[in-house]
Amino acid sequence: MPVEYTVVLQPDLHGGYVGVVAAFPGCYTQGATALAALANVRKAIELTIEDMRSRGERIPDPAGDVFERVVVGP
């Protein structure tokens, strides 16, 4: 059964996009376009889960992800 994880895409200073996965600290990747970054982050999540399973680690529950925009300033 497919699960959904929160991914934050940010423009990279040198071009392209960086994708960061909230549920997996240290799980991030990049791509020349937003679509490429999303494809790469999907693969990064799959590899991270595969690695965690092989070590018997608990896979984070995506339901615990929270994403909120915070406004700062006047």
C-alpha atoms as a PDB file:
ATOM      1  CA  MET A   1       0.000   0.000   0.000  1.00  0.00           C
ATOM      2  CA  PRO A   2       1.465   3.391  -0.988  1.00  0.00           C
ATOM      3  CA  VAL A   3       2.243   5.912   1.738  1.00  0.00           C
ATOM      4  CA  GLU A   4       2.766   9.658   1.444  1.00  0.00           C
ATOM      5  CA  TYR A   5       5.636  11.542   3.057  1.00  0.00           C
ATOM      6  CA  THR A   6       6.030  15.307   3.297  1.00  0.00           C
ATOM      7  CA  VAL A   7       8.724  16.620   0.961  1.00  0.00           C
ATOM      8  CA  VAL A   8       9.922  20.209   0.872  1.00  0.00           C
ATOM      9  CA  LEU A   9      11.272  21.439  -2.467  1.00  0.00           C
ATOM     10  CA  GLN A  10      13.484  24.504  -2.408  1.00  0.00           C
ATOM     11  CA  PRO A  11      15.265  26.269  -5.254  1.00  0.00           C
ATOM     12  CA  ASP A  12      19.014  25.705  -5.043  1.00  0.00           C
ATOM     13  CA  LEU A  13      21.300  28.756  -5.097  1.00  0.00           C
ATOM     14  CA  HIS A  14      23.238  27.228  -8.007  1.00  0.00           C
ATOM     15  CA  GLY A  15      20.182  26.184 -10.026  1.00  0.00           C
ATOM     16  CA  GLY A  16      17.747  23.316  -9.822  1.00  0.00           C
ATOM     17  CA  TYR A  17      15.884  22.173  -6.726  1.00  0.00           C
ATOM     18  CA  VAL A  18      16.668  20.402  -3.461  1.00  0.00           C
ATOM     19  CA  GLY A  19      14.110  17.981  -2.004  1.00  0.00           C
ATOM     20  CA  VAL A  20      14.133  17.298   1.752  1.00  0.00           C
ATOM     21  CA  VAL A  21      12.078  14.541   3.412  1.00  0.00           C
ATOM     22  CA  ALA A  22      10.689  15.640   6.787  1.00  0.00           C
ATOM     23  CA  ALA A  23      10.268  12.124   8.232  1.00  0.00           C
ATOM     24  CA  PHE A  24      13.815  10.974   7.409  1.00  0.00           C
ATOM     25  CA  PRO A  25      16.503  13.315   8.756  1.00  0.00           C
ATOM     26  CA  GLY A  26      19.396  13.400   6.328  1.00  0.00           C
ATOM     27  CA  CYS A  27      17.274  12.146   3.423  1.00  0.00           C
ATOM     28  CA  TYR A  28      17.542  14.735   0.696  1.00  0.00           C
ATOM     29  CA  THR A  29      18.456  14.985  -2.962  1.00  0.00           C
ATOM     30  CA  GLN A  30      18.375  17.422  -5.841  1.00  0.00           C
ATOM     31  CA  GLY A  31      17.370  17.731  -9.479  1.00  0.00           C
ATOM     32  CA  ALA A  32      17.689  20.154 -12.359  1.00  0.00           C
ATOM     33  CA  THR A  33      13.907  20.711 -12.289  1.00  0.00           C
ATOM     34  CA  ALA A  34      11.214  20.343  -9.639  1.00  0.00           C
ATOM     35  CA  LEU A  35       9.972  17.168 -11.371  1.00  0.00           C
ATOM     36  CA  ALA A  36      13.486  15.702 -11.473  1.00  0.00           C
ATOM     37  CA  ALA A  37      14.001  16.518  -7.800  1.00  0.00           C
ATOM     38  CA  LEU A  38      10.693  14.790  -6.937  1.00  0.00           C
ATOM     39  CA  ALA A  39      11.678  11.691  -8.918  1.00  0.00           C
ATOM     40  CA  ASN A  40      15.040  11.623  -7.149  1.00  0.00           C
ATOM     41  CA  VAL A  41      13.499  12.128  -3.717  1.00  0.00           C
ATOM     42  CA  ARG A  42      11.055   9.270  -4.361  1.00  0.00           C
ATOM     43  CA  LYS A  43      14.032   6.982  -5.055  1.00  0.00           C
ATOM     44  CA  ALA A  44      15.865   8.331  -1.987  1.00  0.00           C
ATOM     45  CA  ILE A  45      12.858   7.498   0.202  1.00  0.00           C
ATOM     46  CA  GLU A  46      12.633   3.981  -1.255  1.00  0.00           C
ATOM     47  CA  LEU A  47      16.353   3.364  -0.637  1.00  0.00           C
ATOM     48  CA  THR A  48      16.163   4.799   2.879  1.00  0.00           C
ATOM     49  CA  ILE A  49      13.216   2.545   3.765  1.00  0.00           C
ATOM     50  CA  GLU A  50      14.978  -0.484   2.246  1.00  0.00           C
ATOM     51  CA  ASP A  51      18.101   0.265   4.297  1.00  0.00           C
ATOM     52  CA  MET A  52      16.128   0.799   7.514  1.00  0.00           C
ATOM     53  CA  ARG A  53      14.234  -2.476   7.027  1.00  0.00           C
ATOM     54  CA  SER A  54      17.475  -4.369   6.436  1.00  0.00           C
ATOM     55  CA  ARG A  55      18.717  -3.101   9.824  1.00  0.00           C
ATOM     56  CA  GLY A  56      15.433  -3.810  11.591  1.00  0.00           C
ATOM     57  CA  GLU A  57      14.726  -0.136  12.251  1.00  0.00           C
ATOM     58  CA  ARG A  58      11.237   1.304  12.649  1.00  0.00           C
ATOM     59  CA  ILE A  59       9.948   3.081   9.537  1.00  0.00           C
ATOM     60  CA  PRO A  60       8.558   6.543  10.435  1.00  0.00           C
ATOM     61  CA  ASP A  61       4.798   6.929  10.187  1.00  0.00           C
ATOM     62  CA  PRO A  62       4.010   9.649   7.639  1.00  0.00           C
ATOM     63  CA  ALA A  63       0.842  10.508   9.549  1.00  0.00           C
ATOM     64  CA  GLY A  64       3.103  12.193  12.104  1.00  0.00           C
ATOM     65  CA  ASP A  65       4.381  14.682   9.513  1.00  0.00           C
ATOM     66  CA  VAL A  66       3.243  18.243  10.063  1.00  0.00           C
ATOM     67  CA  PHE A  67       3.784  21.000   7.557  1.00  0.00           C
ATOM     68  CA  GLU A  68       2.962  24.561   8.443  1.00  0.00           C
ATOM     69  CA  ARG A  69       3.964  27.864   6.897  1.00  0.00           C
ATOM     70  CA  VAL A  70       5.228  30.465   9.360  1.00  0.00           C
ATOM     71  CA  VAL A  71       5.044  34.175   8.569  1.00  0.00           C
ATOM     72  CA  VAL A  72       7.775  36.340  10.081  1.00  0.00           C
ATOM     73  CA  GLY A  73       7.982  40.115  10.072  1.00  0.00           C
ATOM     74  CA  PRO A  74       5.590  43.025   9.860  1.00  0.00           C
END
